[in-house]
C-alpha cells in the first residue's frame, strides 16, 4: 500500500473497508518495507512506542530491505489511517503495505 497519487481517495476507500471488516477497537497489522538502516527501523518503532504494539522485523534475502510488521490495537479506522500518514510523513523512503 504505497501512497497512491490521489491518497485522500485511497484513504477514504480504506476507511470504508476497515469499518466493513472489523468491530472497533480492533487489532490491526501494519506492514512496512524500509531500507535496512537501523535508524529508519527505529523511527518506525518509535512511532508505535507506548501503544502496546508487537513489532517484528525481517530482513530480505539479500539484506538490503527490512520488513517491519506491527500488530497493535487501534480504536477506529481514523486512528489506523492517521498512523499510516504519520509514518509516511516522518520516515523517508518507507513503503506501506
C-alpha atoms as a PDB file:
ATOM      1  CA  UNK A   1       0.000   0.000   0.000  1.00  0.00           C
ATOM      2  CA  UNK A   2       2.405   2.704  -1.044  1.00  0.00           C
ATOM      3  CA  UNK A   3       0.685   6.058  -1.093  1.00  0.00           C
ATOM      4  CA  UNK A   4      -1.053   6.486  -4.456  1.00  0.00           C
ATOM      5  CA  UNK A   5      -1.231   9.786  -6.340  1.00  0.00           C
ATOM      6  CA  UNK A   6      -4.737  10.544  -5.050  1.00  0.00           C
ATOM      7  CA  UNK A   7      -4.082   9.485  -1.465  1.00  0.00           C
ATOM      8  CA  UNK A   8      -7.191  11.102   0.043  1.00  0.00           C
ATOM      9  CA  UNK A   9      -9.410   8.996  -2.210  1.00  0.00           C
ATOM     10  CA  UNK A  10      -7.364   5.926  -1.294  1.00  0.00           C
ATOM     11  CA  UNK A  11      -7.671   6.610   2.453  1.00  0.00           C
ATOM     12  CA  UNK A  12     -11.411   7.199   2.112  1.00  0.00           C
ATOM     13  CA  UNK A  13     -11.788   3.789   0.458  1.00  0.00           C
ATOM     14  CA  UNK A  14      -9.575   2.156   3.109  1.00  0.00           C
ATOM     15  CA  UNK A  15     -11.649   3.721   5.890  1.00  0.00           C
ATOM     16  CA  UNK A  16     -14.824   2.217   4.443  1.00  0.00           C
ATOM     17  CA  UNK A  17     -13.195  -1.194   4.123  1.00  0.00           C
ATOM     18  CA  UNK A  18     -11.953  -1.050   7.717  1.00  0.00           C
ATOM     19  CA  UNK A  19     -15.435  -0.185   9.030  1.00  0.00           C
ATOM     20  CA  UNK A  20     -16.916  -3.037   6.976  1.00  0.00           C
ATOM     21  CA  UNK A  21     -14.439  -5.721   8.049  1.00  0.00           C
ATOM     22  CA  UNK A  22     -13.863  -5.212  11.786  1.00  0.00           C
ATOM     23  CA  UNK A  23     -15.508  -4.237  15.046  1.00  0.00           C
ATOM     24  CA  UNK A  24     -13.657  -1.350  16.653  1.00  0.00           C
ATOM     25  CA  UNK A  25     -11.484  -1.124  18.687  1.00  0.00           C
ATOM     26  CA  UNK A  26      -9.622  -3.906  16.904  1.00  0.00           C
ATOM     27  CA  UNK A  27      -6.192  -5.393  16.348  1.00  0.00           C
ATOM     28  CA  UNK A  28      -4.575  -4.091  13.175  1.00  0.00           C
ATOM     29  CA  UNK A  29      -1.479  -5.360  11.386  1.00  0.00           C
ATOM     30  CA  UNK A  30       0.692  -2.707   9.779  1.00  0.00           C
ATOM     31  CA  UNK A  31       3.399  -3.769   7.335  1.00  0.00           C
ATOM     32  CA  UNK A  32       6.166  -1.513   6.152  1.00  0.00           C
ATOM     33  CA  UNK A  33       9.233  -2.046   3.980  1.00  0.00           C
ATOM     34  CA  UNK A  34      12.286   0.124   4.501  1.00  0.00           C
ATOM     35  CA  UNK A  35      15.958   0.074   3.527  1.00  0.00           C
ATOM     36  CA  UNK A  36      17.867  -1.945   6.147  1.00  0.00           C
ATOM     37  CA  UNK A  37      19.011   1.069   8.132  1.00  0.00           C
ATOM     38  CA  UNK A  38      18.839   0.761  11.923  1.00  0.00           C
ATOM     39  CA  UNK A  39      17.843   4.427  12.262  1.00  0.00           C
ATOM     40  CA  UNK A  40      14.892   4.111   9.847  1.00  0.00           C
ATOM     41  CA  UNK A  41      13.671   0.950  11.584  1.00  0.00           C
ATOM     42  CA  UNK A  42      13.972   2.687  14.956  1.00  0.00           C
ATOM     43  CA  UNK A  43      11.984   5.679  13.628  1.00  0.00           C
ATOM     44  CA  UNK A  44       9.098   3.348  12.723  1.00  0.00           C
ATOM     45  CA  UNK A  45       9.289   1.508  16.046  1.00  0.00           C
ATOM     46  CA  UNK A  46       9.332   4.795  17.975  1.00  0.00           C
ATOM     47  CA  UNK A  47       6.093   5.918  16.294  1.00  0.00           C
ATOM     48  CA  UNK A  48       4.339   2.911  17.849  1.00  0.00           C
ATOM     49  CA  UNK A  49       6.035   3.239  21.247  1.00  0.00           C
ATOM     50  CA  UNK A  50       3.687   3.179  24.266  1.00  0.00           C
ATOM     51  CA  UNK A  51       0.819   1.657  22.218  1.00  0.00           C
ATOM     52  CA  UNK A  52       1.390  -1.931  23.338  1.00  0.00           C
ATOM     53  CA  UNK A  53       2.464  -2.900  19.831  1.00  0.00           C
ATOM     54  CA  UNK A  54       4.100  -6.205  18.962  1.00  0.00           C
ATOM     55  CA  UNK A  55       6.821  -5.401  16.428  1.00  0.00           C
ATOM     56  CA  UNK A  56       8.662  -7.944  14.280  1.00  0.00           C
ATOM     57  CA  UNK A  57      11.356  -7.266  11.714  1.00  0.00           C
ATOM     58  CA  UNK A  58      12.712  -9.476   8.965  1.00  0.00           C
ATOM     59  CA  UNK A  59      15.495  -8.717   6.511  1.00  0.00           C
ATOM     60  CA  UNK A  60      15.094  -9.509   2.829  1.00  0.00           C
ATOM     61  CA  UNK A  61      17.054 -12.357   1.287  1.00  0.00           C
ATOM     62  CA  UNK A  62      19.906 -10.078   0.233  1.00  0.00           C
ATOM     63  CA  UNK A  63      19.652  -7.920   3.377  1.00  0.00           C
ATOM     64  CA  UNK A  64      19.041  -4.664   1.521  1.00  0.00           C
ATOM     65  CA  UNK A  65      15.493  -4.187   2.845  1.00  0.00           C
ATOM     66  CA  UNK A  66      13.725  -4.934   6.115  1.00  0.00           C
ATOM     67  CA  UNK A  67      10.040  -5.603   6.602  1.00  0.00           C
ATOM     68  CA  UNK A  68       8.533  -4.238   9.797  1.00  0.00           C
ATOM     69  CA  UNK A  69       5.279  -5.868  10.958  1.00  0.00           C
ATOM     70  CA  UNK A  70       3.403  -4.147  13.752  1.00  0.00           C
ATOM     71  CA  UNK A  71       0.372  -5.672  15.449  1.00  0.00           C
ATOM     72  CA  UNK A  72      -1.403  -3.119  17.610  1.00  0.00           C
ATOM     73  CA  UNK A  73      -4.860  -2.396  18.979  1.00  0.00           C
ATOM     74  CA  UNK A  74      -6.362   0.658  17.303  1.00  0.00           C
ATOM     75  CA  UNK A  75      -9.527   2.435  18.421  1.00  0.00           C
ATOM     76  CA  UNK A  76     -11.035   3.086  14.973  1.00  0.00           C
ATOM     77  CA  UNK A  77     -10.272   3.332  11.233  1.00  0.00           C
ATOM     78  CA  UNK A  78      -9.388   7.031  11.574  1.00  0.00           C
ATOM     79  CA  UNK A  79      -6.639   6.110  14.054  1.00  0.00           C
ATOM     80  CA  UNK A  80      -5.327   3.462  11.624  1.00  0.00           C
ATOM     81  CA  UNK A  81      -5.175   5.969   8.766  1.00  0.00           C
ATOM     82  CA  UNK A  82      -3.637   8.700  10.938  1.00  0.00           C
ATOM     83  CA  UNK A  83      -0.821   6.317  11.896  1.00  0.00           C
ATOM     84  CA  UNK A  84      -0.182   5.404   8.245  1.00  0.00           C
ATOM     85  CA  UNK A  85       0.058   9.109   7.398  1.00  0.00           C
ATOM     86  CA  UNK A  86       2.362   9.781  10.350  1.00  0.00           C
ATOM     87  CA  UNK A  87       4.765   7.005   9.339  1.00  0.00           C
ATOM     88  CA  UNK A  88       4.886   8.033   5.674  1.00  0.00           C
ATOM     89  CA  UNK A  89       5.458  11.688   6.643  1.00  0.00           C
ATOM     90  CA  UNK A  90       8.210  11.014   9.182  1.00  0.00           C
ATOM     91  CA  UNK A  91      10.149   8.079   7.713  1.00  0.00           C
ATOM     92  CA  UNK A  92      11.751   8.847   4.372  1.00  0.00           C
ATOM     93  CA  UNK A  93      11.503   6.119   1.745  1.00  0.00           C
ATOM     94  CA  UNK A  94       9.119   3.871   3.674  1.00  0.00           C
ATOM     95  CA  UNK A  95       6.707   1.678   1.705  1.00  0.00           C
ATOM     96  CA  UNK A  96       3.377   0.845   3.340  1.00  0.00           C
ATOM     97  CA  UNK A  97       1.730  -2.462   2.511  1.00  0.00           C
END
